[in-house]
């Protein structure tokens, strides 16, 4: 089984960290390939970044010409694009936001999300609402750390996460969710200190993707996620493409 994991930003170091977490969670026989968009924001923090990221991820998958794959994991917490990707590709698409929330709902009545900056809270809340799991969310709490600052000081990141997690717990959360793909790896240390289950979205999405592939299930083409209508789609000012849905091109950076 081969799973494509897409970073939502152009920072290759973050792609590598996400891929390490995804491979640690994947079962025997599952190959994980990471994709880094060739254009877009260096980190996704806010509505503008999120919409730009969504277009970049779609373009990266549209022009990918590497080995075939059985599922896609979208590794951007609360970011846009999952609905478009489900129309674009013919394999299961699992977003880390809803994957983590769905698993959290199996572990407790209410969960809390710990994320980076407070400005991302609205996007995450909207994403959870669309996924149908917002009513179980006790709180979305920011750590005050920017995405690209997470790896700079592991001790500081863990302390900030722990403080935010305590606020989520005090708001009624019985389970915690890591609200950023760059937080992969924090779940064990923080879970032990708080005595709460902590769900990592990347790990959750990989396991759910494996399950869907094993069960032979993929996105329904009836209704909302029907195949895109045939029409001219121009992808970028300089692309020169007049047909867009599955045209070939250079892939975004792939990490095998």
Protein backbone atom coordinates (compact mmCIF):
# COMPACT_ATOMS: atom_id res chain seq x y z
CA UNK A 1 0.00 0.00 0.00
CA UNK A 2 1.30 3.47 -0.87
CA UNK A 3 0.08 6.60 0.88
CA UNK A 4 0.81 10.15 -0.26
CA UNK A 5 1.11 12.67 2.58
CA UNK A 6 0.91 16.31 1.52
CA UNK A 7 2.39 19.10 3.59
CA UNK A 8 0.25 22.25 3.45
CA UNK A 9 3.27 24.57 3.22
CA UNK A 10 6.53 24.89 1.34
CA UNK A 11 8.86 24.16 4.27
CA UNK A 12 10.66 20.94 3.35
CA UNK A 13 11.93 20.37 6.90
CA UNK A 14 8.35 20.18 8.11
CA UNK A 15 7.48 17.71 5.36
CA UNK A 16 10.33 15.52 6.55
CA UNK A 17 9.10 15.68 10.16
CA UNK A 18 5.55 14.83 9.09
CA UNK A 19 6.79 11.91 6.99
CA UNK A 20 8.79 10.53 9.92
CA UNK A 21 5.65 10.55 12.07
CA UNK A 22 3.55 9.03 9.30
CA UNK A 23 6.03 6.21 8.71
CA UNK A 24 6.23 5.47 12.43
CA UNK A 25 2.45 4.98 12.45
CA UNK A 26 2.11 3.08 9.19
CA UNK A 27 1.71 -0.66 9.13
CA UNK A 28 4.14 -3.14 7.63
CA UNK A 29 3.96 -3.01 3.87
CA UNK A 30 2.77 0.61 3.74
CA UNK A 31 5.00 3.07 1.88
CA UNK A 32 4.69 6.76 2.75
CA UNK A 33 5.67 9.45 0.26
CA UNK A 34 5.69 13.10 1.30
CA UNK A 35 4.91 15.96 -1.07
CA UNK A 36 5.94 19.57 -0.54
CA UNK A 37 4.13 22.18 -2.68
CA UNK A 38 6.48 24.04 -5.04
CA UNK A 39 4.68 27.31 -4.27
CA UNK A 40 2.48 28.70 -1.52
CA UNK A 41 3.06 29.93 2.05
CA UNK A 42 6.09 28.92 4.12
CA UNK A 43 3.61 28.22 6.91
CA UNK A 44 -0.19 28.26 6.95
CA UNK A 45 -1.44 30.68 9.60
CA UNK A 46 -4.66 32.46 8.70
CA UNK A 47 -7.31 32.51 6.02
CA UNK A 48 -5.12 33.90 3.22
CA UNK A 49 -2.42 31.29 3.82
CA UNK A 50 -5.03 28.56 4.05
CA UNK A 51 -6.71 29.27 0.73
CA UNK A 52 -3.35 29.73 -1.00
CA UNK A 53 -2.18 26.46 0.54
CA UNK A 54 -5.30 24.65 -0.68
CA UNK A 55 -4.68 25.72 -4.27
CA UNK A 56 -1.01 24.76 -4.02
CA UNK A 57 -1.79 21.30 -2.63
CA UNK A 58 -4.36 20.70 -5.36
CA UNK A 59 -1.81 21.75 -7.98
CA UNK A 60 0.84 19.51 -6.43
CA UNK A 61 -1.42 16.47 -6.59
CA UNK A 62 -2.71 17.41 -10.05
CA UNK A 63 0.81 17.48 -11.50
CA UNK A 64 2.26 14.57 -9.50
CA UNK A 65 3.83 12.00 -11.83
CA UNK A 66 5.50 9.61 -9.40
CA UNK A 67 4.50 6.04 -8.51
CA UNK A 68 0.81 5.29 -8.12
CA UNK A 69 -0.79 5.64 -4.70
CA UNK A 70 -3.72 4.17 -2.82
CA UNK A 71 -4.69 7.04 -0.51
CA UNK A 72 -3.93 10.68 0.26
CA UNK A 73 -3.41 12.20 3.70
CA UNK A 74 -3.74 15.97 3.93
CA UNK A 75 -1.37 17.12 6.67
CA UNK A 76 -2.68 20.61 7.38
CA UNK A 77 -4.74 21.04 10.52
CA UNK A 78 -7.83 23.12 9.84
CA UNK A 79 -6.65 24.01 6.34
CA UNK A 80 -8.88 24.21 3.31
CA UNK A 81 -8.76 21.96 0.25
CA UNK A 82 -9.98 18.53 1.38
CA UNK A 83 -13.27 18.75 -0.57
CA UNK A 84 -11.44 19.74 -3.75
CA UNK A 85 -8.90 16.95 -3.37
CA UNK A 86 -11.72 14.44 -2.94
CA UNK A 87 -13.07 15.53 -6.31
CA UNK A 88 -9.63 15.49 -7.91
CA UNK A 89 -8.32 12.02 -7.03
CA UNK A 90 -9.88 8.57 -7.24
CA UNK A 91 -8.55 7.21 -3.95
CA UNK A 92 -9.54 7.81 -0.30
CA UNK A 93 -8.59 11.27 1.01
CA UNK A 94 -8.14 11.66 4.76
CA UNK A 95 -7.65 15.05 6.38
CA UNK A 96 -5.74 15.07 9.68
CA UNK A 97 -8.24 17.46 11.30
CA UNK A 98 -11.31 15.27 10.98
CA UNK A 99 -9.32 12.05 11.39
CA UNK A 100 -8.04 13.16 14.79
CA UNK A 101 -11.45 14.44 15.87
CA UNK A 102 -13.27 11.25 14.85
CA UNK A 103 -10.81 9.08 16.76
CA UNK A 104 -11.01 11.41 19.76
CA UNK A 105 -14.78 10.93 19.79
CA UNK A 106 -14.20 7.20 20.25
CA UNK A 107 -12.09 7.83 23.34
CA UNK A 108 -14.13 10.34 25.30
CA UNK A 109 -17.32 12.37 25.24
CA UNK A 110 -15.58 15.68 24.56
CA UNK A 111 -12.18 16.54 23.14
CA UNK A 112 -10.01 19.64 23.03
CA UNK A 113 -7.69 20.85 20.28
CA UNK A 114 -4.34 22.44 21.09
CA UNK A 115 -3.00 24.44 18.16
CA UNK A 116 -0.43 27.11 17.35
CA UNK A 117 -1.62 30.72 17.07
CA UNK A 118 -5.08 31.85 18.17
CA UNK A 119 -5.77 33.18 14.68
CA UNK A 120 -6.12 29.55 13.49
CA UNK A 121 -8.95 28.74 15.88
CA UNK A 122 -11.73 29.93 13.58
CA UNK A 123 -10.54 27.81 10.68
CA UNK A 124 -10.27 24.75 12.89
CA UNK A 125 -13.74 25.29 14.35
CA UNK A 126 -15.20 25.64 10.83
CA UNK A 127 -13.38 22.51 9.68
CA UNK A 128 -14.72 20.50 12.61
CA UNK A 129 -18.21 21.83 11.94
CA UNK A 130 -18.04 20.74 8.30
CA UNK A 131 -16.80 17.31 9.38
CA UNK A 132 -19.75 16.94 11.77
CA UNK A 133 -17.72 16.65 14.97
CA UNK A 134 -17.80 20.23 16.28
CA UNK A 135 -20.46 19.51 18.92
CA UNK A 136 -18.02 17.23 20.74
CA UNK A 137 -15.26 19.85 20.85
CA UNK A 138 -14.89 21.43 24.29
CA UNK A 139 -12.32 24.02 23.22
CA UNK A 140 -9.73 25.00 20.64
CA UNK A 141 -6.78 26.54 22.48
CA UNK A 142 -3.72 28.26 21.03
CA UNK A 143 -0.19 27.92 22.39
CA UNK A 144 0.95 31.28 21.06
CA UNK A 145 3.70 29.61 19.02
CA UNK A 146 4.04 30.11 15.29
CA UNK A 147 4.19 26.98 13.13
CA UNK A 148 7.83 27.45 12.17
CA UNK A 149 8.82 28.02 15.80
CA UNK A 150 7.67 24.60 17.00
CA UNK A 151 10.97 22.81 16.30
CA UNK A 152 13.25 25.59 17.55
CA UNK A 153 13.00 24.74 21.24
CA UNK A 154 11.42 21.38 22.06
CA UNK A 155 11.25 22.15 25.78
CA UNK A 156 9.47 25.45 25.18
CA UNK A 157 7.04 23.84 22.73
CA UNK A 158 6.20 21.06 25.17
CA UNK A 159 5.68 23.56 28.01
CA UNK A 160 3.42 25.75 25.85
CA UNK A 161 1.44 22.73 24.70
CA UNK A 162 1.07 21.49 28.25
CA UNK A 163 -0.23 24.86 29.47
CA UNK A 164 -2.74 25.08 26.62
CA UNK A 165 -3.77 21.46 27.15
CA UNK A 166 -4.54 22.16 30.79
CA UNK A 167 -6.87 24.96 29.69
CA UNK A 168 -8.61 22.60 27.28
CA UNK A 169 -8.96 20.00 30.02
CA UNK A 170 -10.40 22.61 32.38
CA UNK A 171 -12.94 23.48 29.68
CA UNK A 172 -14.18 19.90 29.74
CA UNK A 173 -11.92 18.04 27.32
CA UNK A 174 -11.50 14.35 28.13
CA UNK A 175 -9.23 13.74 25.12
CA UNK A 176 -6.66 16.04 23.52
CA UNK A 177 -5.90 16.51 19.83
CA UNK A 178 -2.64 17.89 18.41
CA UNK A 179 -3.82 20.81 16.29
CA UNK A 180 -0.85 21.09 13.93
CA UNK A 181 1.02 18.53 11.83
CA UNK A 182 4.25 20.04 13.15
CA UNK A 183 3.32 18.89 16.67
CA UNK A 184 3.78 15.24 15.73
CA UNK A 185 5.70 13.46 18.48
CA UNK A 186 4.36 15.45 21.43
CA UNK A 187 1.51 13.10 22.28
CA UNK A 188 3.39 10.66 24.49
CA UNK A 189 5.14 13.18 26.75
CA UNK A 190 2.10 15.38 27.21
CA UNK A 191 -0.34 12.50 27.57
CA UNK A 192 1.69 11.00 30.38
CA UNK A 193 1.86 14.30 32.26
CA UNK A 194 -1.85 15.06 31.98
CA UNK A 195 -3.19 11.53 32.17
CA UNK A 196 -5.35 12.08 29.08
CA UNK A 197 -5.34 10.34 25.69
CA UNK A 198 -3.63 12.55 23.08
CA UNK A 199 -4.42 12.00 19.39
CA UNK A 200 -1.88 12.94 16.73
CA UNK A 201 -3.68 13.86 13.52
CA UNK A 202 -0.99 12.51 11.19
CA UNK A 203 -0.98 9.10 12.87
CA UNK A 204 -4.78 9.03 12.99
CA UNK A 205 -5.09 9.89 9.31
CA UNK A 206 -2.54 7.30 8.22
CA UNK A 207 -4.28 4.51 10.12
CA UNK A 208 -7.71 5.55 8.82
CA UNK A 209 -6.36 5.73 5.28
CA UNK A 210 -4.94 2.22 5.63
CA UNK A 211 -8.29 1.00 6.93
CA UNK A 212 -10.23 2.50 4.02
CA UNK A 213 -7.86 0.98 1.48
CA UNK A 214 -7.98 -2.42 3.19
CA UNK A 215 -11.77 -2.32 3.22
CA UNK A 216 -11.89 -1.36 -0.44
CA UNK A 217 -13.67 1.93 0.26
CA UNK A 218 -13.19 5.29 -1.43
CA UNK A 219 -14.96 8.62 -1.90
CA UNK A 220 -18.55 8.46 -3.12
CA UNK A 221 -19.08 9.94 -6.56
CA UNK A 222 -22.81 10.44 -5.97
CA UNK A 223 -23.61 14.04 -5.09
CA UNK A 224 -21.14 16.35 -3.37
CA UNK A 225 -17.89 14.73 -4.51
CA UNK A 226 -18.87 13.90 -8.04
CA UNK A 227 -16.18 13.97 -10.73
CA UNK A 228 -15.37 17.60 -11.68
CA UNK A 229 -17.28 18.84 -14.71
CA UNK A 230 -15.27 18.90 -17.94
CA UNK A 231 -14.30 22.49 -18.73
CA UNK A 232 -11.31 24.71 -19.32
CA UNK A 233 -9.36 25.39 -16.13
CA UNK A 234 -6.34 27.70 -16.18
CA UNK A 235 -3.81 26.95 -13.45
CA UNK A 236 -1.71 30.04 -12.83
CA UNK A 237 -0.77 32.95 -15.06
CA UNK A 238 2.39 31.41 -16.48
CA UNK A 239 1.30 27.77 -16.77
CA UNK A 240 0.01 28.11 -20.32
CA UNK A 241 -2.41 25.25 -19.75
CA UNK A 242 -5.88 25.37 -21.24
CA UNK A 243 -6.95 22.00 -19.93
CA UNK A 244 -6.38 21.38 -16.28
CA UNK A 245 -8.00 18.47 -14.53
CA UNK A 246 -5.36 15.81 -15.13
CA UNK A 247 -2.77 17.49 -17.33
CA UNK A 248 0.81 16.42 -16.83
CA UNK A 249 3.61 18.59 -15.50
CA UNK A 250 6.47 18.69 -13.06
CA UNK A 251 5.62 17.30 -9.63
CA UNK A 252 5.89 19.24 -6.41
CA UNK A 253 8.91 18.19 -4.34
CA UNK A 254 8.57 14.51 -3.49
CA UNK A 255 10.21 12.89 -0.50
CA UNK A 256 10.37 9.13 -1.04
